[in-house]
mmCIF file of all heavy atoms, coordinates in Angstrom:
data_MODEL
# 
_entry.id   MODEL 
# 
loop_
_atom_site.group_PDB 
_atom_site.id 
_atom_site.type_symbol 
_atom_site.label_atom_id 
_atom_site.label_alt_id 
_atom_site.label_comp_id 
_atom_site.label_asym_id 
_atom_site.label_entity_id 
_atom_site.label_seq_id 
_atom_site.pdbx_PDB_ins_code 
_atom_site.Cartn_x 
_atom_site.Cartn_y 
_atom_site.Cartn_z 
_atom_site.occupancy 
_atom_site.B_iso_or_equiv 
_atom_site.pdbx_formal_charge 
_atom_site.auth_seq_id 
_atom_site.auth_comp_id 
_atom_site.auth_asym_id 
_atom_site.auth_atom_id 
_atom_site.pdbx_PDB_model_num 
ATOM 1   N N   . HIS A 1 1  ? 28.624 -5.829  32.507 1.00 0.00 ? 1  HIS A N   1 
ATOM 2   C CA  . HIS A 1 1  ? 28.296 -6.142  31.120 1.00 0.00 ? 1  HIS A CA  1 
ATOM 3   C C   . HIS A 1 1  ? 27.259 -5.125  30.657 1.00 0.00 ? 1  HIS A C   1 
ATOM 4   O O   . HIS A 1 1  ? 26.411 -4.689  31.442 1.00 0.00 ? 1  HIS A O   1 
ATOM 5   C CB  . HIS A 1 1  ? 27.720 -7.554  30.987 1.00 0.00 ? 1  HIS A CB  1 
ATOM 6   C CG  . HIS A 1 1  ? 28.560 -8.608  31.635 1.00 0.00 ? 1  HIS A CG  1 
ATOM 7   N ND1 . HIS A 1 1  ? 29.798 -8.977  31.153 1.00 0.00 ? 1  HIS A ND1 1 
ATOM 8   C CD2 . HIS A 1 1  ? 28.343 -9.371  32.740 1.00 0.00 ? 1  HIS A CD2 1 
ATOM 9   C CE1 . HIS A 1 1  ? 30.300 -9.929  31.919 1.00 0.00 ? 1  HIS A CE1 1 
ATOM 10  N NE2 . HIS A 1 1  ? 29.450 -10.177 32.899 1.00 0.00 ? 1  HIS A NE2 1 
ATOM 11  N N   . THR A 1 2  ? 27.288 -4.780  29.389 1.00 0.00 ? 2  THR A N   1 
ATOM 12  C CA  . THR A 1 2  ? 26.345 -3.782  28.879 1.00 0.00 ? 2  THR A CA  1 
ATOM 13  C C   . THR A 1 2  ? 24.909 -4.278  28.923 1.00 0.00 ? 2  THR A C   1 
ATOM 14  O O   . THR A 1 2  ? 23.985 -3.523  29.191 1.00 0.00 ? 2  THR A O   1 
ATOM 15  C CB  . THR A 1 2  ? 26.710 -3.404  27.429 1.00 0.00 ? 2  THR A CB  1 
ATOM 16  O OG1 . THR A 1 2  ? 28.033 -2.866  27.398 1.00 0.00 ? 2  THR A OG1 1 
ATOM 17  C CG2 . THR A 1 2  ? 25.731 -2.387  26.867 1.00 0.00 ? 2  THR A CG2 1 
ATOM 18  N N   . HIS A 1 3  ? 24.718 -5.580  28.680 1.00 0.00 ? 3  HIS A N   1 
ATOM 19  C CA  . HIS A 1 3  ? 23.362 -6.097  28.495 1.00 0.00 ? 3  HIS A CA  1 
ATOM 20  C C   . HIS A 1 3  ? 22.892 -6.959  29.669 1.00 0.00 ? 3  HIS A C   1 
ATOM 21  O O   . HIS A 1 3  ? 23.690 -7.542  30.399 1.00 0.00 ? 3  HIS A O   1 
ATOM 22  C CB  . HIS A 1 3  ? 23.299 -6.894  27.192 1.00 0.00 ? 3  HIS A CB  1 
ATOM 23  C CG  . HIS A 1 3  ? 23.705 -6.086  26.000 1.00 0.00 ? 3  HIS A CG  1 
ATOM 24  N ND1 . HIS A 1 3  ? 22.883 -5.160  25.415 1.00 0.00 ? 3  HIS A ND1 1 
ATOM 25  C CD2 . HIS A 1 3  ? 24.870 -6.044  25.308 1.00 0.00 ? 3  HIS A CD2 1 
ATOM 26  C CE1 . HIS A 1 3  ? 23.502 -4.585  24.405 1.00 0.00 ? 3  HIS A CE1 1 
ATOM 27  N NE2 . HIS A 1 3  ? 24.716 -5.104  24.318 1.00 0.00 ? 3  HIS A NE2 1 
ATOM 28  N N   . ASP A 1 4  ? 21.571 -7.050  29.790 1.00 0.00 ? 4  ASP A N   1 
ATOM 29  C CA  . ASP A 1 4  ? 20.951 -7.848  30.853 1.00 0.00 ? 4  ASP A CA  1 
ATOM 30  C C   . ASP A 1 4  ? 21.299 -9.325  30.694 1.00 0.00 ? 4  ASP A C   1 
ATOM 31  O O   . ASP A 1 4  ? 21.442 -9.833  29.581 1.00 0.00 ? 4  ASP A O   1 
ATOM 32  C CB  . ASP A 1 4  ? 19.430 -7.703  30.816 1.00 0.00 ? 4  ASP A CB  1 
ATOM 33  C CG  . ASP A 1 4  ? 18.963 -6.293  31.141 1.00 0.00 ? 4  ASP A CG  1 
ATOM 34  O OD1 . ASP A 1 4  ? 19.801 -5.475  31.556 1.00 0.00 ? 4  ASP A OD1 1 
ATOM 35  O OD2 . ASP A 1 4  ? 17.758 -6.018  30.978 1.00 0.00 ? 4  ASP A OD2 1 
ATOM 36  N N   . PHE A 1 5  ? 21.377 -10.012 31.844 1.00 0.00 ? 5  PHE A N   1 
ATOM 37  C CA  . PHE A 1 5  ? 21.638 -11.444 31.862 1.00 0.00 ? 5  PHE A CA  1 
ATOM 38  C C   . PHE A 1 5  ? 20.611 -12.138 32.739 1.00 0.00 ? 5  PHE A C   1 
ATOM 39  O O   . PHE A 1 5  ? 20.257 -11.649 33.808 1.00 0.00 ? 5  PHE A O   1 
ATOM 40  C CB  . PHE A 1 5  ? 23.052 -11.720 32.405 1.00 0.00 ? 5  PHE A CB  1 
ATOM 41  C CG  . PHE A 1 5  ? 23.318 -13.165 32.709 1.00 0.00 ? 5  PHE A CG  1 
ATOM 42  C CD1 . PHE A 1 5  ? 23.704 -14.044 31.704 1.00 0.00 ? 5  PHE A CD1 1 
ATOM 43  C CD2 . PHE A 1 5  ? 23.158 -13.665 34.001 1.00 0.00 ? 5  PHE A CD2 1 
ATOM 44  C CE1 . PHE A 1 5  ? 23.934 -15.392 31.981 1.00 0.00 ? 5  PHE A CE1 1 
ATOM 45  C CE2 . PHE A 1 5  ? 23.397 -15.002 34.289 1.00 0.00 ? 5  PHE A CE2 1 
ATOM 46  C CZ  . PHE A 1 5  ? 23.780 -15.872 33.274 1.00 0.00 ? 5  PHE A CZ  1 
ATOM 47  N N   . ALA A 1 6  ? 20.128 -13.297 32.276 1.00 0.00 ? 6  ALA A N   1 
ATOM 48  C CA  . ALA A 1 6  ? 19.248 -14.139 33.089 1.00 0.00 ? 6  ALA A CA  1 
ATOM 49  C C   . ALA A 1 6  ? 19.745 -15.566 32.970 1.00 0.00 ? 6  ALA A C   1 
ATOM 50  O O   . ALA A 1 6  ? 19.988 -16.047 31.857 1.00 0.00 ? 6  ALA A O   1 
ATOM 51  C CB  . ALA A 1 6  ? 17.799 -14.039 32.613 1.00 0.00 ? 6  ALA A CB  1 
ATOM 52  N N   . GLY A 1 7  ? 19.955 -16.243 34.109 1.00 0.00 ? 7  GLY A N   1 
ATOM 53  C CA  . GLY A 1 7  ? 20.509 -17.588 34.019 1.00 0.00 ? 7  GLY A CA  1 
ATOM 54  C C   . GLY A 1 7  ? 20.330 -18.366 35.300 1.00 0.00 ? 7  GLY A C   1 
ATOM 55  O O   . GLY A 1 7  ? 19.667 -17.920 36.253 1.00 0.00 ? 7  GLY A O   1 
ATOM 56  N N   . ALA A 1 8  ? 20.939 -19.557 35.319 1.00 0.00 ? 8  ALA A N   1 
ATOM 57  C CA  . ALA A 1 8  ? 20.811 -20.453 36.466 1.00 0.00 ? 8  ALA A CA  1 
ATOM 58  C C   . ALA A 1 8  ? 22.096 -21.241 36.653 1.00 0.00 ? 8  ALA A C   1 
ATOM 59  O O   . ALA A 1 8  ? 22.871 -21.441 35.710 1.00 0.00 ? 8  ALA A O   1 
ATOM 60  C CB  . ALA A 1 8  ? 19.636 -21.410 36.269 1.00 0.00 ? 8  ALA A CB  1 
ATOM 61  N N   . VAL A 1 9  ? 22.333 -21.680 37.879 1.00 0.00 ? 9  VAL A N   1 
ATOM 62  C CA  . VAL A 1 9  ? 23.494 -22.519 38.187 1.00 0.00 ? 9  VAL A CA  1 
ATOM 63  C C   . VAL A 1 9  ? 23.137 -23.973 37.881 1.00 0.00 ? 9  VAL A C   1 
ATOM 64  O O   . VAL A 1 9  ? 22.114 -24.480 38.348 1.00 0.00 ? 9  VAL A O   1 
ATOM 65  C CB  . VAL A 1 9  ? 23.913 -22.375 39.661 1.00 0.00 ? 9  VAL A CB  1 
ATOM 66  C CG1 . VAL A 1 9  ? 25.091 -23.293 39.970 1.00 0.00 ? 9  VAL A CG1 1 
ATOM 67  C CG2 . VAL A 1 9  ? 24.267 -20.923 39.968 1.00 0.00 ? 9  VAL A CG2 1 
ATOM 68  N N   . VAL A 1 10 ? 23.983 -24.629 37.102 1.00 0.00 ? 10 VAL A N   1 
ATOM 69  C CA  . VAL A 1 10 ? 23.796 -26.049 36.784 1.00 0.00 ? 10 VAL A CA  1 
ATOM 70  C C   . VAL A 1 10 ? 24.482 -26.914 37.831 1.00 0.00 ? 10 VAL A C   1 
ATOM 71  O O   . VAL A 1 10 ? 23.924 -27.903 38.314 1.00 0.00 ? 10 VAL A O   1 
ATOM 72  C CB  . VAL A 1 10 ? 24.336 -26.374 35.376 1.00 0.00 ? 10 VAL A CB  1 
ATOM 73  C CG1 . VAL A 1 10 ? 24.199 -27.859 35.063 1.00 0.00 ? 10 VAL A CG1 1 
ATOM 74  C CG2 . VAL A 1 10 ? 23.616 -25.536 34.322 1.00 0.00 ? 10 VAL A CG2 1 
ATOM 75  N N   . SER A 1 11 ? 25.704 -26.550 38.193 1.00 0.00 ? 11 SER A N   1 
ATOM 76  C CA  . SER A 1 11 ? 26.448 -27.316 39.193 1.00 0.00 ? 11 SER A CA  1 
ATOM 77  C C   . SER A 1 11 ? 27.522 -26.435 39.810 1.00 0.00 ? 11 SER A C   1 
ATOM 78  O O   . SER A 1 11 ? 27.916 -25.408 39.247 1.00 0.00 ? 11 SER A O   1 
ATOM 79  C CB  . SER A 1 11 ? 27.088 -28.564 38.557 1.00 0.00 ? 11 SER A CB  1 
ATOM 80  O OG  . SER A 1 11 ? 28.031 -28.193 37.569 1.00 0.00 ? 11 SER A OG  1 
ATOM 81  N N   . GLY A 1 12 ? 28.021 -26.856 40.981 1.00 0.00 ? 12 GLY A N   1 
ATOM 82  C CA  . GLY A 1 12 ? 29.068 -26.104 41.661 1.00 0.00 ? 12 GLY A CA  1 
ATOM 83  C C   . GLY A 1 12 ? 28.500 -25.048 42.597 1.00 0.00 ? 12 GLY A C   1 
ATOM 84  O O   . GLY A 1 12 ? 27.280 -24.895 42.746 1.00 0.00 ? 12 GLY A O   1 
ATOM 85  N N   . THR A 1 13 ? 29.398 -24.315 43.238 1.00 0.00 ? 13 THR A N   1 
ATOM 86  C CA  . THR A 1 13 ? 29.014 -23.257 44.170 1.00 0.00 ? 13 THR A CA  1 
ATOM 87  C C   . THR A 1 13 ? 29.584 -21.940 43.683 1.00 0.00 ? 13 THR A C   1 
ATOM 88  O O   . THR A 1 13 ? 30.806 -21.755 43.625 1.00 0.00 ? 13 THR A O   1 
ATOM 89  C CB  . THR A 1 13 ? 29.543 -23.547 45.588 1.00 0.00 ? 13 THR A CB  1 
ATOM 90  O OG1 . THR A 1 13 ? 29.015 -24.801 46.035 1.00 0.00 ? 13 THR A OG1 1 
ATOM 91  C CG2 . THR A 1 13 ? 29.131 -22.461 46.555 1.00 0.00 ? 13 THR A CG2 1 
ATOM 92  N N   . LEU A 1 14 ? 28.704 -21.042 43.307 1.00 0.00 ? 14 LEU A N   1 
ATOM 93  C CA  . LEU A 1 14 ? 29.085 -19.741 42.748 1.00 0.00 ? 14 LEU A CA  1 
ATOM 94  C C   . LEU A 1 14 ? 28.815 -18.662 43.788 1.00 0.00 ? 14 LEU A C   1 
ATOM 95  O O   . LEU A 1 14 ? 27.824 -18.724 44.527 1.00 0.00 ? 14 LEU A O   1 
ATOM 96  C CB  . LEU A 1 14 ? 28.252 -19.479 41.494 1.00 0.00 ? 14 LEU A CB  1 
ATOM 97  C CG  . LEU A 1 14 ? 28.783 -18.487 40.459 1.00 0.00 ? 14 LEU A CG  1 
ATOM 98  C CD1 . LEU A 1 14 ? 29.981 -19.086 39.737 1.00 0.00 ? 14 LEU A CD1 1 
ATOM 99  C CD2 . LEU A 1 14 ? 27.684 -18.157 39.446 1.00 0.00 ? 14 LEU A CD2 1 
ATOM 100 N N   . ARG A 1 15 ? 29.707 -17.669 43.865 1.00 0.00 ? 15 ARG A N   1 
ATOM 101 C CA  . ARG A 1 15 ? 29.477 -16.522 44.749 1.00 0.00 ? 15 ARG A CA  1 
ATOM 102 C C   . ARG A 1 15 ? 29.362 -15.291 43.871 1.00 0.00 ? 15 ARG A C   1 
ATOM 103 O O   . ARG A 1 15 ? 30.206 -15.038 43.006 1.00 0.00 ? 15 ARG A O   1 
ATOM 104 C CB  . ARG A 1 15 ? 30.617 -16.382 45.758 1.00 0.00 ? 15 ARG A CB  1 
ATOM 105 C CG  . ARG A 1 15 ? 30.766 -17.612 46.636 1.00 0.00 ? 15 ARG A CG  1 
ATOM 106 C CD  . ARG A 1 15 ? 31.723 -17.403 47.788 1.00 0.00 ? 15 ARG A CD  1 
ATOM 107 N NE  . ARG A 1 15 ? 33.075 -17.042 47.351 1.00 0.00 ? 15 ARG A NE  1 
ATOM 108 C CZ  . ARG A 1 15 ? 34.102 -16.847 48.175 1.00 0.00 ? 15 ARG A CZ  1 
ATOM 109 N NH1 . ARG A 1 15 ? 33.916 -16.975 49.484 1.00 0.00 ? 15 ARG A NH1 1 
ATOM 110 N NH2 . ARG A 1 15 ? 35.288 -16.544 47.707 1.00 0.00 ? 15 ARG A NH2 1 
ATOM 111 N N   . HIS A 1 16 ? 28.281 -14.522 44.104 1.00 0.00 ? 16 HIS A N   1 
ATOM 112 C CA  . HIS A 1 16 ? 27.980 -13.406 43.206 1.00 0.00 ? 16 HIS A CA  1 
ATOM 113 C C   . HIS A 1 16 ? 27.436 -12.246 44.030 1.00 0.00 ? 16 HIS A C   1 
ATOM 114 O O   . HIS A 1 16 ? 26.557 -12.444 44.880 1.00 0.00 ? 16 HIS A O   1 
ATOM 115 C CB  . HIS A 1 16 ? 26.937 -13.850 42.175 1.00 0.00 ? 16 HIS A CB  1 
ATOM 116 C CG  . HIS A 1 16 ? 26.702 -12.849 41.093 1.00 0.00 ? 16 HIS A CG  1 
ATOM 117 N ND1 . HIS A 1 16 ? 27.420 -12.838 39.922 1.00 0.00 ? 16 HIS A ND1 1 
ATOM 118 C CD2 . HIS A 1 16 ? 25.822 -11.827 41.000 1.00 0.00 ? 16 HIS A CD2 1 
ATOM 119 C CE1 . HIS A 1 16 ? 26.997 -11.872 39.142 1.00 0.00 ? 16 HIS A CE1 1 
ATOM 120 N NE2 . HIS A 1 16 ? 26.025 -11.225 39.773 1.00 0.00 ? 16 HIS A NE2 1 
ATOM 121 N N   . GLY A 1 17 ? 27.984 -11.051 43.816 1.00 0.00 ? 17 GLY A N   1 
ATOM 122 C CA  . GLY A 1 17 ? 27.480 -9.924  44.582 1.00 0.00 ? 17 GLY A CA  1 
ATOM 123 C C   . GLY A 1 17 ? 28.243 -8.644  44.353 1.00 0.00 ? 17 GLY A C   1 
ATOM 124 O O   . GLY A 1 17 ? 28.825 -8.409  43.296 1.00 0.00 ? 17 GLY A O   1 
ATOM 125 N N   . ARG A 1 18 ? 28.261 -7.810  45.405 1.00 0.00 ? 18 ARG A N   1 
ATOM 126 C CA  . ARG A 1 18 ? 28.836 -6.478  45.318 1.00 0.00 ? 18 ARG A CA  1 
ATOM 127 C C   . ARG A 1 18 ? 30.363 -6.497  45.224 1.00 0.00 ? 18 ARG A C   1 
ATOM 128 O O   . ARG A 1 18 ? 30.965 -5.698  44.513 1.00 0.00 ? 18 ARG A O   1 
ATOM 129 C CB  . ARG A 1 18 ? 28.412 -5.675  46.553 1.00 0.00 ? 18 ARG A CB  1 
ATOM 130 C CG  . ARG A 1 18 ? 28.838 -4.226  46.563 1.00 0.00 ? 18 ARG A CG  1 
ATOM 131 C CD  . ARG A 1 18 ? 28.529 -3.605  47.921 1.00 0.00 ? 18 ARG A CD  1 
ATOM 132 N NE  . ARG A 1 18 ? 27.159 -3.856  48.314 1.00 0.00 ? 18 ARG A NE  1 
ATOM 133 C CZ  . ARG A 1 18 ? 26.120 -3.150  47.892 1.00 0.00 ? 18 ARG A CZ  1 
ATOM 134 N NH1 . ARG A 1 18 ? 26.316 -2.155  47.050 1.00 0.00 ? 18 ARG A NH1 1 
ATOM 135 N NH2 . ARG A 1 18 ? 24.905 -3.435  48.312 1.00 0.00 ? 18 ARG A NH2 1 
ATOM 136 N N   . SER A 1 19 ? 30.993 -7.442  45.939 1.00 0.00 ? 19 SER A N   1 
ATOM 137 C CA  . SER A 1 19 ? 32.454 -7.499  45.971 1.00 0.00 ? 19 SER A CA  1 
ATOM 138 C C   . SER A 1 19 ? 32.886 -8.857  46.511 1.00 0.00 ? 19 SER A C   1 
ATOM 139 O O   . SER A 1 19 ? 32.044 -9.702  46.854 1.00 0.00 ? 19 SER A O   1 
ATOM 140 C CB  . SER A 1 19 ? 33.017 -6.380  46.855 1.00 0.00 ? 19 SER A CB  1 
ATOM 141 O OG  . SER A 1 19 ? 32.652 -6.601  48.211 1.00 0.00 ? 19 SER A OG  1 
ATOM 142 N N   . ALA A 1 20 ? 34.198 -9.048  46.636 1.00 0.00 ? 20 ALA A N   1 
ATOM 143 C CA  . ALA A 1 20 ? 34.724 -10.314 47.166 1.00 0.00 ? 20 ALA A CA  1 
ATOM 144 C C   . ALA A 1 20 ? 34.389 -10.485 48.639 1.00 0.00 ? 20 ALA A C   1 
ATOM 145 O O   . ALA A 1 20 ? 34.499 -11.593 49.183 1.00 0.00 ? 20 ALA A O   1 
ATOM 146 C CB  . ALA A 1 20 ? 36.236 -10.366 46.968 1.00 0.00 ? 20 ALA A CB  1 
ATOM 147 N N   . GLU A 1 21 ? 33.970 -9.408  49.289 1.00 0.00 ? 21 GLU A N   1 
ATOM 148 C CA  . GLU A 1 21 ? 33.611 -9.492  50.704 1.00 0.00 ? 21 GLU A CA  1 
ATOM 149 C C   . GLU A 1 21 ? 32.102 -9.439  50.921 1.00 0.00 ? 21 GLU A C   1 
ATOM 150 O O   . GLU A 1 21 ? 31.604 -9.757  52.016 1.00 0.00 ? 21 GLU A O   1 
ATOM 151 C CB  . GLU A 1 21 ? 34.250 -8.324  51.479 1.00 0.00 ? 21 GLU A CB  1 
ATOM 152 C CG  . GLU A 1 21 ? 35.769 -8.371  51.561 1.00 0.00 ? 21 GLU A CG  1 
ATOM 153 C CD  . GLU A 1 21 ? 36.448 -7.957  50.248 1.00 0.00 ? 21 GLU A CD  1 
ATOM 154 O OE1 . GLU A 1 21 ? 35.875 -7.104  49.527 1.00 0.00 ? 21 GLU A OE1 1 
ATOM 155 O OE2 . GLU A 1 21 ? 37.521 -8.507  49.949 1.00 0.00 ? 21 GLU A OE2 1 
ATOM 156 N N   . ASP A 1 22 ? 31.351 -9.048  49.914 1.00 0.00 ? 22 ASP A N   1 
ATOM 157 C CA  . ASP A 1 22 ? 29.901 -8.852  50.049 1.00 0.00 ? 22 ASP A CA  1 
ATOM 158 C C   . ASP A 1 22 ? 29.219 -9.563  48.885 1.00 0.00 ? 22 ASP A C   1 
ATOM 159 O O   . ASP A 1 22 ? 29.132 -9.029  47.789 1.00 0.00 ? 22 ASP A O   1 
ATOM 160 C CB  . ASP A 1 22 ? 29.590 -7.348  50.044 1.00 0.00 ? 22 ASP A CB  1 
ATOM 161 C CG  . ASP A 1 22 ? 28.116 -7.067  50.277 1.00 0.00 ? 22 ASP A CG  1 
ATOM 162 O OD1 . ASP A 1 22 ? 27.348 -8.031  50.477 1.00 0.00 ? 22 ASP A OD1 1 
ATOM 163 O OD2 . ASP A 1 22 ? 27.733 -5.881  50.236 1.00 0.00 ? 22 ASP A OD2 1 
ATOM 164 N N   . PHE A 1 23 ? 28.754 -10.787 49.127 1.00 0.00 ? 23 PHE A N   1 
ATOM 165 C CA  . PHE A 1 23 ? 28.205 -11.603 48.042 1.00 0.00 ? 23 PHE A CA  1 
ATOM 166 C C   . PHE A 1 23 ? 27.134 -12.546 48.581 1.00 0.00 ? 23 PHE A C   1 
ATOM 167 O O   . PHE A 1 23 ? 26.960 -12.674 49.806 1.00 0.00 ? 23 PHE A O   1 
ATOM 168 C CB  . PHE A 1 23 ? 29.316 -12.424 47.375 1.00 0.00 ? 23 PHE A CB  1 
ATOM 169 C CG  . PHE A 1 23 ? 30.056 -13.311 48.336 1.00 0.00 ? 23 PHE A CG  1 
ATOM 170 C CD1 . PHE A 1 23 ? 29.556 -14.542 48.725 1.00 0.00 ? 23 PHE A CD1 1 
ATOM 171 C CD2 . PHE A 1 23 ? 31.280 -12.893 48.878 1.00 0.00 ? 23 PHE A CD2 1 
ATOM 172 C CE1 . PHE A 1 23 ? 30.238 -15.348 49.631 1.00 0.00 ? 23 PHE A CE1 1 
ATOM 173 C CE2 . PHE A 1 23 ? 31.966 -13.689 49.786 1.00 0.00 ? 23 PHE A CE2 1 
ATOM 174 C CZ  . PHE A 1 23 ? 31.445 -14.921 50.171 1.00 0.00 ? 23 PHE A CZ  1 
ATOM 175 N N   . GLU A 1 24 ? 26.438 -13.211 47.654 1.00 0.00 ? 24 GLU A N   1 
ATOM 176 C CA  . GLU A 1 24 ? 25.505 -14.279 48.006 1.00 0.00 ? 24 GLU A CA  1 
ATOM 177 C C   . GLU A 1 24 ? 25.998 -15.569 47.363 1.00 0.00 ? 24 GLU A C   1 
ATOM 178 O O   . GLU A 1 24 ? 26.576 -15.550 46.274 1.00 0.00 ? 24 GLU A O   1 
ATOM 179 C CB  . GLU A 1 24 ? 24.093 -13.957 47.532 1.00 0.00 ? 24 GLU A CB  1 
ATOM 180 C CG  . GLU A 1 24 ? 23.462 -12.787 48.286 1.00 0.00 ? 24 GLU A CG  1 
ATOM 181 C CD  . GLU A 1 24 ? 21.979 -12.670 48.017 1.00 0.00 ? 24 GLU A CD  1 
ATOM 182 O OE1 . GLU A 1 24 ? 21.305 -13.721 48.018 1.00 0.00 ? 24 GLU A OE1 1 
ATOM 183 O OE2 . GLU A 1 24 ? 21.510 -11.541 47.810 1.00 0.00 ? 24 GLU A OE2 1 
ATOM 184 N N   . THR A 1 25 ? 25.765 -16.678 48.057 1.00 0.00 ? 25 THR A N   1 
ATOM 185 C CA  . THR A 1 25 ? 26.204 -17.982 47.552 1.00 0.00 ? 25 THR A CA  1 
ATOM 186 C C   . THR A 1 25 ? 25.086 -18.625 46.751 1.00 0.00 ? 25 THR A C   1 
ATOM 187 O O   . THR A 1 25 ? 23.928 -18.670 47.196 1.00 0.00 ? 25 THR A O   1 
ATOM 188 C CB  . THR A 1 25 ? 26.612 -18.898 48.717 1.00 0.00 ? 25 THR A CB  1 
ATOM 189 O OG1 . THR A 1 25 ? 27.685 -18.282 49.440 1.00 0.00 ? 25 THR A OG1 1 
ATOM 190 C CG2 . THR A 1 25 ? 27.066 -20.250 48.199 1.00 0.00 ? 25 THR A CG2 1 
ATOM 191 N N   . MET A 1 26 ? 25.435 -19.124 45.576 1.00 0.00 ? 26 MET A N   1 
ATOM 192 C CA  . MET A 1 26 ? 24.462 -19.756 44.680 1.00 0.00 ? 26 MET A CA  1 
ATOM 193 C C   . MET A 1 26 ? 24.882 -21.202 44.407 1.00 0.00 ? 26 MET A C   1 
ATOM 194 O O   . MET A 1 26 ? 26.054 -21.474 44.153 1.00 0.00 ? 26 MET A O   1 
ATOM 195 C CB  . MET A 1 26 ? 24.365 -18.990 43.360 1.00 0.00 ? 26 MET A CB  1 
ATOM 196 C CG  . MET A 1 26 ? 23.950 -17.534 43.509 1.00 0.00 ? 26 MET A CG  1 
ATOM 197 S SD  . MET A 1 26 ? 23.928 -16.673 41.906 1.00 0.00 ? 26 MET A SD  1 
ATOM 198 C CE  . MET A 1 26 ? 22.670 -17.607 41.025 1.00 0.00 ? 26 MET A CE  1 
ATOM 199 N N   . THR A 1 27 ? 23.922 -22.105 44.446 1.00 0.00 ? 27 THR A N   1 
ATOM 200 C CA  . THR A 1 27 ? 24.184 -23.518 44.147 1.00 0.00 ? 27 THR A CA  1 
ATOM 201 C C   . THR A 1 27 ? 23.213 -23.987 43.065 1.00 0.00 ? 27 THR A C   1 
ATOM 202 O O   . THR A 1 27 ? 22.384 -23.205 42.565 1.00 0.00 ? 27 THR A O   1 
ATOM 203 C CB  . THR A 1 27 ? 24.054 -24.385 45.408 1.00 0.00 ? 27 THR A CB  1 
ATOM 204 O OG1 . THR A 1 27 ? 22.749 -24.202 45.968 1.00 0.00 ? 27 THR A OG1 1 
ATOM 205 C CG2 . THR A 1 27 ? 25.097 -23.991 46.443 1.00 0.00 ? 27 THR A CG2 1 
# 
């Protein structure tokens, strides 16, 4: 995305990172 993002997980398990093989799990 062009612009900065700041946020938080409300519910569920999100995976976010470099790729589908290299990520961190967020709850």
